[in-house]
Amino acid sequence: MSRTRGPDRRLNPYRDDLAAAHLRGEVKASRFVEGVDRRVIQPNLALLREPEPAAPMDTQLLFGETFRVYEERNGWAWGQAALDDYVGYVDAKGLGARIVQPTHTVAALRSFIYPKADLKTRPATPLSMNAKLRVTGAKGNFSEIEGGGFVFTAHLAPVGAHVRDFVSVAEEFLGVPYLWGGRDSLGLDCSGLVQMSLERAGISSLRDTDMQEATLGEPLPEPIDFTSLRRGDLVFWRGHVAIMVDAERMIHANAHHMQVAVERLDIAMSRIARSDAGHVTSIKRFT
């Protein structure tokens, strides 16, 4: 849910002292500015709620993604992620000045940028699935990328090339540690797993669970028939989401196992019902 009244501040860049120019007339702010697009140049970049190193991490940006900056001060950039409109603060050192139009994305769970087209060279910069790159050439089994370095070509997919089964993508994350706010193959949370998997299938998704529940798929009619579930159905609780693997099992990043795990829906429902998340709130299906 939105933390304040008015437009959701998670998705609308405005504060009392500053707001995006396109929000003029919709929100009150002392100053309205046009944003400047910057490119993420680190493997991942934490988007924080406040400009402090220990502030809560709401999500992460991945290498090659675009972040629109509305203010840069004291080493922090405040702005909005192009992928899903999420608003927050990032370390300005993680942003490059030049926007590069990507030609490829990382399709493997994880890959590396090597300084030479040789897997033995160091240092190798890690890349997560869905990182975005511009390929400028090829050398053997490697693709040369804009800005320097080489990535194993078989780990890449052209922009616009998508998988048909997003659940199979989610299954690649099995065993990856749970990380609140994470959206990376080193660690991610429940809605991050959904967003990352859907992106590989060419389906846009907002970031947080409540946003996903409100915008993804079509709801199954009430009362829910839990015997009719199928692969790809999204099961929502208050603050949690899972993906059905088949009619009985689901996959989710969760704080019980502290990793991405597959378990039976009925067992998970019984456990989650005793937590703050309570009972299933809806099941959404892609048609």
Protein backbone atom coordinates (compact mmCIF):
# COMPACT_ATOMS: atom_id res chain seq x y z
CA MET A 1 0.00 0.00 0.00
CA SER A 2 1.01 3.61 -0.40
CA ARG A 3 2.74 5.01 2.63
CA THR A 4 0.90 8.36 2.38
CA ARG A 5 -2.26 9.79 0.94
CA GLY A 6 -2.21 11.06 -2.63
CA PRO A 7 -0.46 9.36 -5.55
CA ASP A 8 1.57 6.35 -4.49
CA ARG A 9 5.02 7.68 -3.63
CA ARG A 10 6.56 4.34 -4.58
CA LEU A 11 5.57 5.02 -8.21
CA ASN A 12 5.38 8.81 -8.39
CA PRO A 13 8.52 10.91 -7.83
CA TYR A 14 7.44 13.71 -5.52
CA ARG A 15 8.45 15.10 -2.16
CA ASP A 16 7.39 18.29 -0.39
CA ASP A 17 10.44 20.10 -1.77
CA LEU A 18 10.79 18.48 -5.21
CA ALA A 19 8.76 16.64 -7.81
CA ALA A 20 8.96 15.44 -11.40
CA ALA A 21 7.76 18.01 -13.91
CA HIS A 22 5.07 15.67 -15.29
CA LEU A 23 3.38 15.70 -11.87
CA ARG A 24 2.77 19.46 -11.95
CA GLY A 25 -0.88 20.03 -11.12
CA GLU A 26 -1.24 16.62 -9.49
CA VAL A 27 0.94 17.06 -6.40
CA LYS A 28 2.23 19.91 -4.26
CA ALA A 29 5.97 20.59 -4.22
CA SER A 30 8.24 23.61 -3.89
CA ARG A 31 9.98 22.83 -7.18
CA PHE A 32 9.33 20.75 -10.31
CA VAL A 33 12.17 19.48 -12.48
CA GLU A 34 12.75 17.40 -15.59
CA GLY A 35 14.66 14.20 -14.98
CA VAL A 36 17.92 13.09 -16.56
CA ASP A 37 18.29 9.45 -17.60
CA ARG A 38 21.35 7.60 -16.30
CA ARG A 39 22.52 4.02 -16.76
CA VAL A 40 23.32 1.51 -14.03
CA ILE A 41 26.98 0.51 -14.33
CA GLN A 42 27.26 -1.82 -11.33
CA PRO A 43 26.17 -5.48 -11.22
CA ASN A 44 23.30 -4.41 -8.97
CA LEU A 45 22.37 -1.16 -7.29
CA ALA A 46 20.25 -0.92 -4.16
CA LEU A 47 17.28 1.46 -4.33
CA LEU A 48 16.75 2.76 -0.82
CA ARG A 49 13.89 4.50 0.96
CA GLU A 50 16.13 7.24 2.36
CA PRO A 51 19.56 8.64 1.39
CA GLU A 52 21.35 6.68 4.10
CA PRO A 53 23.46 3.52 3.76
CA ALA A 54 21.43 1.69 6.42
CA ALA A 55 18.02 2.68 5.02
CA PRO A 56 15.58 -0.08 3.99
CA MET A 57 16.14 -1.46 0.49
CA ASP A 58 12.90 -1.45 -1.49
CA THR A 59 14.34 -3.01 -4.65
CA GLN A 60 17.45 -3.32 -6.79
CA LEU A 61 18.44 -2.05 -10.22
CA LEU A 62 20.46 -4.29 -12.52
CA PHE A 63 23.39 -3.57 -14.82
CA GLY A 64 22.32 -1.66 -17.92
CA GLU A 65 18.95 -0.53 -16.61
CA THR A 66 17.88 3.12 -16.78
CA PHE A 67 17.29 5.34 -13.77
CA ARG A 68 15.81 8.80 -14.21
CA VAL A 69 17.51 11.20 -11.80
CA TYR A 70 15.63 14.21 -10.42
CA GLU A 71 18.19 15.21 -7.81
CA GLU A 72 21.80 14.39 -7.03
CA ARG A 73 23.15 15.55 -3.69
CA ASN A 74 25.77 14.36 -1.20
CA GLY A 75 26.56 11.30 -3.30
CA TRP A 76 22.93 10.18 -3.59
CA ALA A 77 20.68 10.25 -6.64
CA TRP A 78 16.92 10.45 -6.14
CA GLY A 79 14.77 9.29 -9.00
CA GLN A 80 12.75 6.58 -10.68
CA ALA A 81 13.53 3.22 -12.27
CA ALA A 82 12.50 3.01 -15.92
CA LEU A 83 11.65 -0.69 -15.72
CA ASP A 84 8.87 -0.50 -13.13
CA ASP A 85 8.62 3.19 -12.08
CA TYR A 86 9.90 2.53 -8.55
CA VAL A 87 11.09 5.69 -6.77
CA GLY A 88 13.96 5.96 -4.32
CA TYR A 89 17.57 6.80 -3.64
CA VAL A 90 20.64 5.12 -5.14
CA ASP A 91 24.37 5.59 -4.71
CA ALA A 92 25.25 8.02 -7.51
CA LYS A 93 28.55 6.21 -8.12
CA GLY A 94 26.55 3.30 -9.50
CA LEU A 95 25.23 5.39 -12.39
CA GLY A 96 26.93 6.26 -15.65
CA ALA A 97 26.23 9.43 -17.59
CA ARG A 98 25.75 7.79 -20.96
CA ILE A 99 22.60 5.88 -21.92
CA VAL A 100 23.32 2.81 -24.04
CA GLN A 101 20.48 1.19 -25.98
CA PRO A 102 20.70 -2.52 -25.13
CA THR A 103 20.72 -5.19 -27.82
CA HIS A 104 20.81 -8.21 -25.48
CA THR A 105 19.87 -9.34 -22.01
CA VAL A 106 21.46 -11.97 -19.79
CA ALA A 107 19.34 -15.09 -20.18
CA ALA A 108 21.36 -17.35 -17.87
CA LEU A 109 20.85 -17.20 -14.13
CA ARG A 110 24.27 -15.59 -13.82
CA SER A 111 27.16 -14.66 -16.08
CA PHE A 112 30.30 -12.49 -16.07
CA ILE A 113 31.96 -9.66 -17.94
CA TYR A 114 35.54 -10.71 -18.66
CA PRO A 115 38.28 -8.19 -19.55
CA LYS A 116 39.28 -10.42 -22.48
CA ALA A 117 37.56 -13.12 -24.51
CA ASP A 118 39.11 -15.70 -22.21
CA LEU A 119 37.32 -17.36 -19.28
CA LYS A 120 40.56 -17.40 -17.28
CA THR A 121 41.03 -13.63 -17.22
CA ARG A 122 40.36 -11.53 -14.16
CA PRO A 123 38.66 -9.63 -12.68
CA ALA A 124 35.33 -10.95 -13.84
CA THR A 125 32.32 -8.71 -13.15
CA PRO A 126 29.20 -10.70 -12.20
CA LEU A 127 25.92 -10.15 -14.02
CA SER A 128 22.46 -11.31 -13.03
CA MET A 129 19.74 -12.62 -15.29
CA ASN A 130 17.96 -9.70 -17.01
CA ALA A 131 21.01 -7.43 -16.98
CA LYS A 132 21.03 -5.37 -20.16
CA LEU A 133 23.96 -5.07 -22.58
CA ARG A 134 24.82 -3.64 -25.95
CA VAL A 135 26.78 -6.13 -28.04
CA THR A 136 29.26 -4.53 -30.44
CA GLY A 137 31.12 -7.54 -31.80
CA ALA A 138 32.08 -11.17 -31.38
CA LYS A 139 35.26 -13.07 -30.66
CA GLY A 140 35.06 -16.84 -30.55
CA ASN A 141 32.45 -17.91 -28.01
CA PHE A 142 32.25 -14.41 -26.52
CA SER A 143 30.35 -11.22 -27.32
CA GLU A 144 32.09 -7.88 -26.94
CA ILE A 145 29.95 -5.28 -25.20
CA GLU A 146 29.72 -1.49 -25.21
CA GLY A 147 31.96 -0.03 -22.53
CA GLY A 148 34.46 -2.85 -22.72
CA GLY A 149 34.59 -6.51 -21.82
CA PHE A 150 33.29 -9.83 -23.08
CA VAL A 151 30.34 -12.02 -22.10
CA PHE A 152 29.83 -15.68 -23.00
CA THR A 153 27.49 -15.49 -25.98
CA ALA A 154 25.41 -18.53 -25.03
CA HIS A 155 24.38 -16.70 -21.83
CA LEU A 156 22.75 -13.88 -23.81
CA ALA A 157 19.44 -13.44 -25.61
CA PRO A 158 18.53 -10.68 -28.08
CA VAL A 159 16.22 -8.00 -26.73
CA GLY A 160 12.70 -9.15 -27.51
CA ALA A 161 13.52 -12.87 -27.41
CA HIS A 162 11.40 -14.36 -24.65
CA VAL A 163 10.69 -17.74 -23.10
CA ARG A 164 7.17 -19.19 -23.21
CA ASP A 165 7.07 -20.62 -19.69
CA PHE A 166 7.92 -18.10 -16.99
CA VAL A 167 7.59 -20.82 -14.34
CA SER A 168 10.62 -22.58 -15.80
CA VAL A 169 12.54 -19.34 -15.24
CA ALA A 170 11.43 -19.21 -11.61
CA GLU A 171 12.65 -22.79 -11.19
CA GLU A 172 16.15 -21.70 -12.22
CA PHE A 173 16.25 -19.66 -8.98
CA LEU A 174 15.72 -22.69 -6.73
CA GLY A 175 18.02 -22.42 -3.72
CA VAL A 176 18.84 -18.74 -4.26
CA PRO A 177 18.82 -17.03 -0.83
CA TYR A 178 15.88 -14.90 0.26
CA LEU A 179 16.73 -11.20 0.41
CA TRP A 180 14.19 -8.52 1.31
CA GLY A 181 14.08 -6.08 -1.61
CA GLY A 182 16.36 -8.32 -3.67
CA ARG A 183 15.95 -8.62 -7.42
CA ASP A 184 19.12 -10.42 -8.39
CA SER A 185 20.34 -13.97 -8.82
CA LEU A 186 22.35 -13.61 -5.59
CA GLY A 187 19.22 -12.97 -3.55
CA LEU A 188 15.62 -11.90 -4.05
CA ASP A 189 12.23 -11.72 -2.39
CA CYS A 190 8.85 -13.17 -3.37
CA SER A 191 7.69 -10.37 -5.67
CA GLY A 192 11.21 -10.03 -7.06
CA LEU A 193 11.07 -13.68 -8.16
CA VAL A 194 7.74 -13.05 -9.91
CA GLN A 195 8.98 -9.88 -11.61
CA MET A 196 12.27 -11.40 -12.76
CA SER A 197 10.57 -14.53 -14.14
CA LEU A 198 7.85 -12.62 -15.96
CA GLU A 199 10.41 -10.28 -17.54
CA ARG A 200 12.11 -13.24 -19.25
CA ALA A 201 8.69 -14.11 -20.68
CA GLY A 202 8.15 -10.58 -21.97
CA ILE A 203 5.51 -9.70 -19.36
CA SER A 204 5.88 -6.36 -17.58
CA SER A 205 5.30 -6.39 -13.84
CA LEU A 206 5.31 -3.83 -11.09
CA ARG A 207 7.55 -4.51 -8.13
CA ASP A 208 5.63 -5.02 -4.89
CA THR A 209 3.16 -7.77 -4.04
CA ASP A 210 0.15 -5.47 -3.69
CA MET A 211 0.93 -3.88 -7.06
CA GLN A 212 1.23 -7.29 -8.70
CA GLU A 213 -2.00 -8.53 -7.18
CA ALA A 214 -3.82 -5.45 -8.49
CA THR A 215 -2.44 -5.56 -12.04
CA LEU A 216 -1.37 -9.07 -13.10
CA GLY A 217 -3.65 -11.66 -14.67
CA GLU A 218 -7.33 -12.27 -14.01
CA PRO A 219 -8.72 -13.31 -10.62
CA LEU A 220 -10.19 -16.77 -10.18
CA PRO A 221 -13.82 -16.55 -9.06
CA GLU A 222 -14.76 -16.70 -5.40
CA PRO A 223 -14.97 -19.00 -3.59
CA ILE A 224 -11.65 -20.22 -4.92
CA ASP A 225 -11.57 -23.82 -6.08
CA PHE A 226 -8.13 -24.91 -4.92
CA THR A 227 -8.50 -28.20 -6.81
CA SER A 228 -8.49 -26.42 -10.19
CA LEU A 229 -5.17 -24.60 -9.98
CA ARG A 230 -2.62 -24.92 -12.76
CA ARG A 231 0.97 -24.09 -13.62
CA GLY A 232 1.58 -20.34 -13.72
CA ASP A 233 -1.23 -19.28 -11.40
CA LEU A 234 -0.13 -16.61 -8.91
CA VAL A 235 -1.23 -17.14 -5.31
CA PHE A 236 -1.42 -14.00 -3.18
CA TRP A 237 -1.47 -13.43 0.54
CA ARG A 238 -1.15 -10.14 2.35
CA GLY A 239 2.45 -9.21 1.54
CA HIS A 240 3.38 -12.49 -0.13
CA VAL A 241 3.10 -14.19 -3.53
CA ALA A 242 3.91 -17.63 -4.92
CA ILE A 243 3.81 -19.25 -8.36
CA MET A 244 2.06 -22.58 -8.93
CA VAL A 245 4.40 -25.19 -10.43
CA ASP A 246 1.53 -27.62 -10.98
CA ALA A 247 -1.91 -28.25 -9.45
CA GLU A 248 -0.51 -28.91 -5.98
CA ARG A 249 2.96 -27.36 -5.61
CA MET A 250 4.17 -23.79 -5.61
CA ILE A 251 7.53 -22.04 -5.86
CA HIS A 252 8.32 -18.91 -3.87
CA ALA A 253 11.13 -16.91 -2.32
CA ASN A 254 10.29 -16.95 1.35
CA ALA A 255 11.60 -16.14 4.80
CA HIS A 256 10.60 -19.55 6.20
CA HIS A 257 13.14 -21.47 4.13
CA MET A 258 15.22 -18.29 3.60
CA GLN A 259 15.56 -19.25 -0.06
CA VAL A 260 13.58 -19.99 -3.19
CA ALA A 261 11.81 -23.29 -2.53
CA VAL A 262 9.10 -25.55 -3.91
CA GLU A 263 6.50 -26.89 -1.49
CA ARG A 264 2.95 -28.12 -1.47
CA LEU A 265 0.36 -25.34 -1.48
CA ASP A 266 -1.73 -26.88 1.29
CA ILE A 267 1.26 -27.13 3.63
CA ALA A 268 2.30 -23.54 2.87
CA MET A 269 -1.25 -22.27 3.33
CA SER A 270 -1.49 -23.90 6.75
CA ARG A 271 1.79 -22.36 7.89
CA ILE A 272 1.18 -18.90 6.39
CA ALA A 273 -2.31 -18.74 7.90
CA ARG A 274 -0.66 -18.60 11.33
CA SER A 275 1.47 -15.60 10.31
CA ASP A 276 0.63 -11.94 9.69
CA ALA A 277 0.02 -12.77 6.03
CA GLY A 278 -3.09 -14.76 6.98
CA HIS A 279 -5.17 -16.53 4.36
CA VAL A 280 -4.95 -16.44 0.57
CA THR A 281 -6.40 -13.15 -0.69
CA SER A 282 -6.62 -14.01 -4.39
CA ILE A 283 -5.34 -16.23 -7.16
CA LYS A 284 -4.55 -14.55 -10.50
CA ARG A 285 -4.30 -16.37 -13.81
CA PHE A 286 -2.75 -15.33 -17.11
CA THR A 287 -5.17 -16.01 -19.96
